């Protein structure tokens, strides 16, 4: 699994949460950094929407042009209806509001992986 957020505290908190359920994650401070890697290594990308440079929506478009079947969940601290609609219309796997609900994140990942770890 890849976690993309410009805030280090968010990345590390999410990585710790995922470790608690035996899911490995790679952390990226920007979408451009993620795109430098082979996307086939990931089963899910969890990205912030509002970041400097490449936004989460733009990252979603780029990922889907390279790896159309790779699920991308988007998260934001500003969850309004417009962002949600735009994300889902672009093909986001999920739209999550910050602060994230730990149980909801774990349920999303377990649902995607069928209960198995190693995202």
C-alpha atoms as a PDB file:
ATOM      1  CA  UNK A   1       0.000   0.000   0.000  1.00  0.00           C
ATOM      2  CA  UNK A   2       1.161   3.546  -0.703  1.00  0.00           C
ATOM      3  CA  UNK A   3       0.362   6.495   1.545  1.00  0.00           C
ATOM      4  CA  UNK A   4       0.738   9.946  -0.018  1.00  0.00           C
ATOM      5  CA  UNK A   5       0.426  13.031   2.170  1.00  0.00           C
ATOM      6  CA  UNK A   6       2.502  16.183   2.448  1.00  0.00           C
ATOM      7  CA  UNK A   7       2.213  16.038   6.253  1.00  0.00           C
ATOM      8  CA  UNK A   8       4.733  13.647   7.797  1.00  0.00           C
ATOM      9  CA  UNK A   9       2.631  13.168  10.943  1.00  0.00           C
ATOM     10  CA  UNK A  10      -0.294  11.897   8.857  1.00  0.00           C
ATOM     11  CA  UNK A  11       1.919   9.494   6.901  1.00  0.00           C
ATOM     12  CA  UNK A  12       3.550   8.039   9.988  1.00  0.00           C
ATOM     13  CA  UNK A  13       0.276   7.756  11.923  1.00  0.00           C
ATOM     14  CA  UNK A  14      -1.352   5.870   9.049  1.00  0.00           C
ATOM     15  CA  UNK A  15       1.685   3.618   8.651  1.00  0.00           C
ATOM     16  CA  UNK A  16       1.509   2.783  12.362  1.00  0.00           C
ATOM     17  CA  UNK A  17      -2.183   1.994  12.118  1.00  0.00           C
ATOM     18  CA  UNK A  18      -1.574  -0.313   9.169  1.00  0.00           C
ATOM     19  CA  UNK A  19       1.335  -2.036  10.888  1.00  0.00           C
ATOM     20  CA  UNK A  20      -1.036  -2.868  13.740  1.00  0.00           C
ATOM     21  CA  UNK A  21      -3.021  -5.048  11.300  1.00  0.00           C
ATOM     22  CA  UNK A  22       0.066  -6.447   9.518  1.00  0.00           C
ATOM     23  CA  UNK A  23      -0.246  -4.294   6.398  1.00  0.00           C
ATOM     24  CA  UNK A  24       2.977  -2.901   4.946  1.00  0.00           C
ATOM     25  CA  UNK A  25       2.932   0.628   3.555  1.00  0.00           C
ATOM     26  CA  UNK A  26       5.354   2.830   1.668  1.00  0.00           C
ATOM     27  CA  UNK A  27       5.225   6.533   2.461  1.00  0.00           C
ATOM     28  CA  UNK A  28       5.473   9.393  -0.025  1.00  0.00           C
ATOM     29  CA  UNK A  29       5.444  13.133   0.651  1.00  0.00           C
ATOM     30  CA  UNK A  30       4.058  13.910  -2.805  1.00  0.00           C
ATOM     31  CA  UNK A  31       2.305  12.355  -5.745  1.00  0.00           C
ATOM     32  CA  UNK A  32       5.326  13.029  -7.928  1.00  0.00           C
ATOM     33  CA  UNK A  33       7.476  10.930  -5.573  1.00  0.00           C
ATOM     34  CA  UNK A  34       4.990   8.065  -5.805  1.00  0.00           C
ATOM     35  CA  UNK A  35       4.989   8.250  -9.608  1.00  0.00           C
ATOM     36  CA  UNK A  36       8.760   7.656  -9.607  1.00  0.00           C
ATOM     37  CA  UNK A  37       8.018   4.075  -8.449  1.00  0.00           C
ATOM     38  CA  UNK A  38       6.581   0.987 -10.089  1.00  0.00           C
ATOM     39  CA  UNK A  39       2.869   1.164  -9.262  1.00  0.00           C
ATOM     40  CA  UNK A  40       2.435  -2.575  -9.762  1.00  0.00           C
ATOM     41  CA  UNK A  41       3.910  -3.072  -6.284  1.00  0.00           C
ATOM     42  CA  UNK A  42       0.844  -1.504  -4.672  1.00  0.00           C
ATOM     43  CA  UNK A  43      -2.652  -2.851  -4.087  1.00  0.00           C
ATOM     44  CA  UNK A  44      -4.002   0.522  -2.913  1.00  0.00           C
ATOM     45  CA  UNK A  45      -2.957   4.166  -2.905  1.00  0.00           C
ATOM     46  CA  UNK A  46      -4.284   6.359  -0.083  1.00  0.00           C
ATOM     47  CA  UNK A  47      -3.663   9.997  -0.928  1.00  0.00           C
ATOM     48  CA  UNK A  48      -4.482  13.402   0.460  1.00  0.00           C
ATOM     49  CA  UNK A  49      -6.352  15.620  -1.979  1.00  0.00           C
ATOM     50  CA  UNK A  50      -4.896  19.020  -1.184  1.00  0.00           C
ATOM     51  CA  UNK A  51      -1.117  18.972  -1.522  1.00  0.00           C
ATOM     52  CA  UNK A  52       1.411  21.351  -3.053  1.00  0.00           C
ATOM     53  CA  UNK A  53       2.257  20.576  -6.655  1.00  0.00           C
ATOM     54  CA  UNK A  54       0.226  17.598  -7.798  1.00  0.00           C
ATOM     55  CA  UNK A  55      -3.176  17.372  -6.092  1.00  0.00           C
ATOM     56  CA  UNK A  56      -4.730  14.066  -5.106  1.00  0.00           C
ATOM     57  CA  UNK A  57      -7.267  14.414  -7.934  1.00  0.00           C
ATOM     58  CA  UNK A  58      -4.453  14.962 -10.458  1.00  0.00           C
ATOM     59  CA  UNK A  59      -2.566  12.027  -8.963  1.00  0.00           C
ATOM     60  CA  UNK A  60      -5.671   9.849  -9.344  1.00  0.00           C
ATOM     61  CA  UNK A  61      -5.815  10.751 -13.061  1.00  0.00           C
ATOM     62  CA  UNK A  62      -2.113   9.968 -13.543  1.00  0.00           C
ATOM     63  CA  UNK A  63      -2.325   6.662 -11.682  1.00  0.00           C
ATOM     64  CA  UNK A  64      -5.344   5.560 -13.686  1.00  0.00           C
ATOM     65  CA  UNK A  65      -3.568   6.409 -16.951  1.00  0.00           C
ATOM     66  CA  UNK A  66      -0.671   4.128 -15.908  1.00  0.00           C
ATOM     67  CA  UNK A  67      -2.443   1.473 -13.818  1.00  0.00           C
ATOM     68  CA  UNK A  68      -6.197   1.708 -14.476  1.00  0.00           C
ATOM     69  CA  UNK A  69      -7.113  -1.059 -12.024  1.00  0.00           C
ATOM     70  CA  UNK A  70      -5.134   0.286  -9.050  1.00  0.00           C
ATOM     71  CA  UNK A  71      -7.597   1.495  -6.391  1.00  0.00           C
ATOM     72  CA  UNK A  72      -6.981   5.049  -5.157  1.00  0.00           C
ATOM     73  CA  UNK A  73      -8.672   6.287  -1.984  1.00  0.00           C
ATOM     74  CA  UNK A  74      -8.636  10.032  -1.440  1.00  0.00           C
ATOM     75  CA  UNK A  75      -8.735  11.834   1.890  1.00  0.00           C
ATOM     76  CA  UNK A  76      -9.160  15.456   2.869  1.00  0.00           C
ATOM     77  CA  UNK A  77      -9.553  17.673   5.903  1.00  0.00           C
ATOM     78  CA  UNK A  78     -12.099  19.693   3.914  1.00  0.00           C
ATOM     79  CA  UNK A  79     -14.759  17.100   2.991  1.00  0.00           C
ATOM     80  CA  UNK A  80     -17.398  19.040   1.138  1.00  0.00           C
ATOM     81  CA  UNK A  81     -19.881  17.624  -1.344  1.00  0.00           C
ATOM     82  CA  UNK A  82     -18.046  19.107  -4.347  1.00  0.00           C
ATOM     83  CA  UNK A  83     -14.742  17.377  -3.488  1.00  0.00           C
ATOM     84  CA  UNK A  84     -16.529  14.106  -2.817  1.00  0.00           C
ATOM     85  CA  UNK A  85     -18.438  14.214  -6.111  1.00  0.00           C
ATOM     86  CA  UNK A  86     -15.341  15.171  -8.085  1.00  0.00           C
ATOM     87  CA  UNK A  87     -13.263  12.385  -6.503  1.00  0.00           C
ATOM     88  CA  UNK A  88     -15.887   9.715  -7.071  1.00  0.00           C
ATOM     89  CA  UNK A  89     -16.581  10.858 -10.649  1.00  0.00           C
ATOM     90  CA  UNK A  90     -12.850  10.551 -11.357  1.00  0.00           C
ATOM     91  CA  UNK A  91     -12.928   6.958 -10.120  1.00  0.00           C
ATOM     92  CA  UNK A  92     -11.725   7.177  -6.528  1.00  0.00           C
ATOM     93  CA  UNK A  93     -12.107   3.891  -4.669  1.00  0.00           C
ATOM     94  CA  UNK A  94     -13.169   5.736  -1.496  1.00  0.00           C
ATOM     95  CA  UNK A  95     -13.465   9.309  -0.244  1.00  0.00           C
ATOM     96  CA  UNK A  96     -12.416   9.755   3.394  1.00  0.00           C
ATOM     97  CA  UNK A  97     -12.657  12.730   5.728  1.00  0.00           C
ATOM     98  CA  UNK A  98      -9.822  13.718   8.051  1.00  0.00           C
ATOM     99  CA  UNK A  99      -9.385  13.117  10.853  1.00  0.00           C
ATOM    100  CA  UNK A 100      -9.616   9.543   9.641  1.00  0.00           C
ATOM    101  CA  UNK A 101     -11.623   6.978  11.544  1.00  0.00           C
ATOM    102  CA  UNK A 102      -9.148   4.159  12.248  1.00  0.00           C
ATOM    103  CA  UNK A 103     -11.823   1.467  12.156  1.00  0.00           C
ATOM    104  CA  UNK A 104     -13.103   2.726   8.789  1.00  0.00           C
ATOM    105  CA  UNK A 105      -9.590   2.722   7.306  1.00  0.00           C
ATOM    106  CA  UNK A 106      -8.951  -0.823   8.528  1.00  0.00           C
ATOM    107  CA  UNK A 107     -12.345  -1.993   7.239  1.00  0.00           C
ATOM    108  CA  UNK A 108     -11.637  -0.424   3.833  1.00  0.00           C
ATOM    109  CA  UNK A 109      -8.272  -2.170   3.568  1.00  0.00           C
ATOM    110  CA  UNK A 110      -9.568  -5.515   4.827  1.00  0.00           C
ATOM    111  CA  UNK A 111     -12.480  -5.288   2.381  1.00  0.00           C
ATOM    112  CA  UNK A 112     -10.110  -4.619  -0.487  1.00  0.00           C
ATOM    113  CA  UNK A 113      -7.683  -7.355   0.518  1.00  0.00           C
ATOM    114  CA  UNK A 114     -10.310  -9.876   1.558  1.00  0.00           C
ATOM    115  CA  UNK A 115      -9.004  -9.912   5.125  1.00  0.00           C
ATOM    116  CA  UNK A 116      -5.368 -10.515   4.123  1.00  0.00           C
ATOM    117  CA  UNK A 117      -2.439  -8.230   4.917  1.00  0.00           C
ATOM    118  CA  UNK A 118       0.522  -7.109   2.772  1.00  0.00           C
ATOM    119  CA  UNK A 119      -0.882  -4.155   0.830  1.00  0.00           C
END
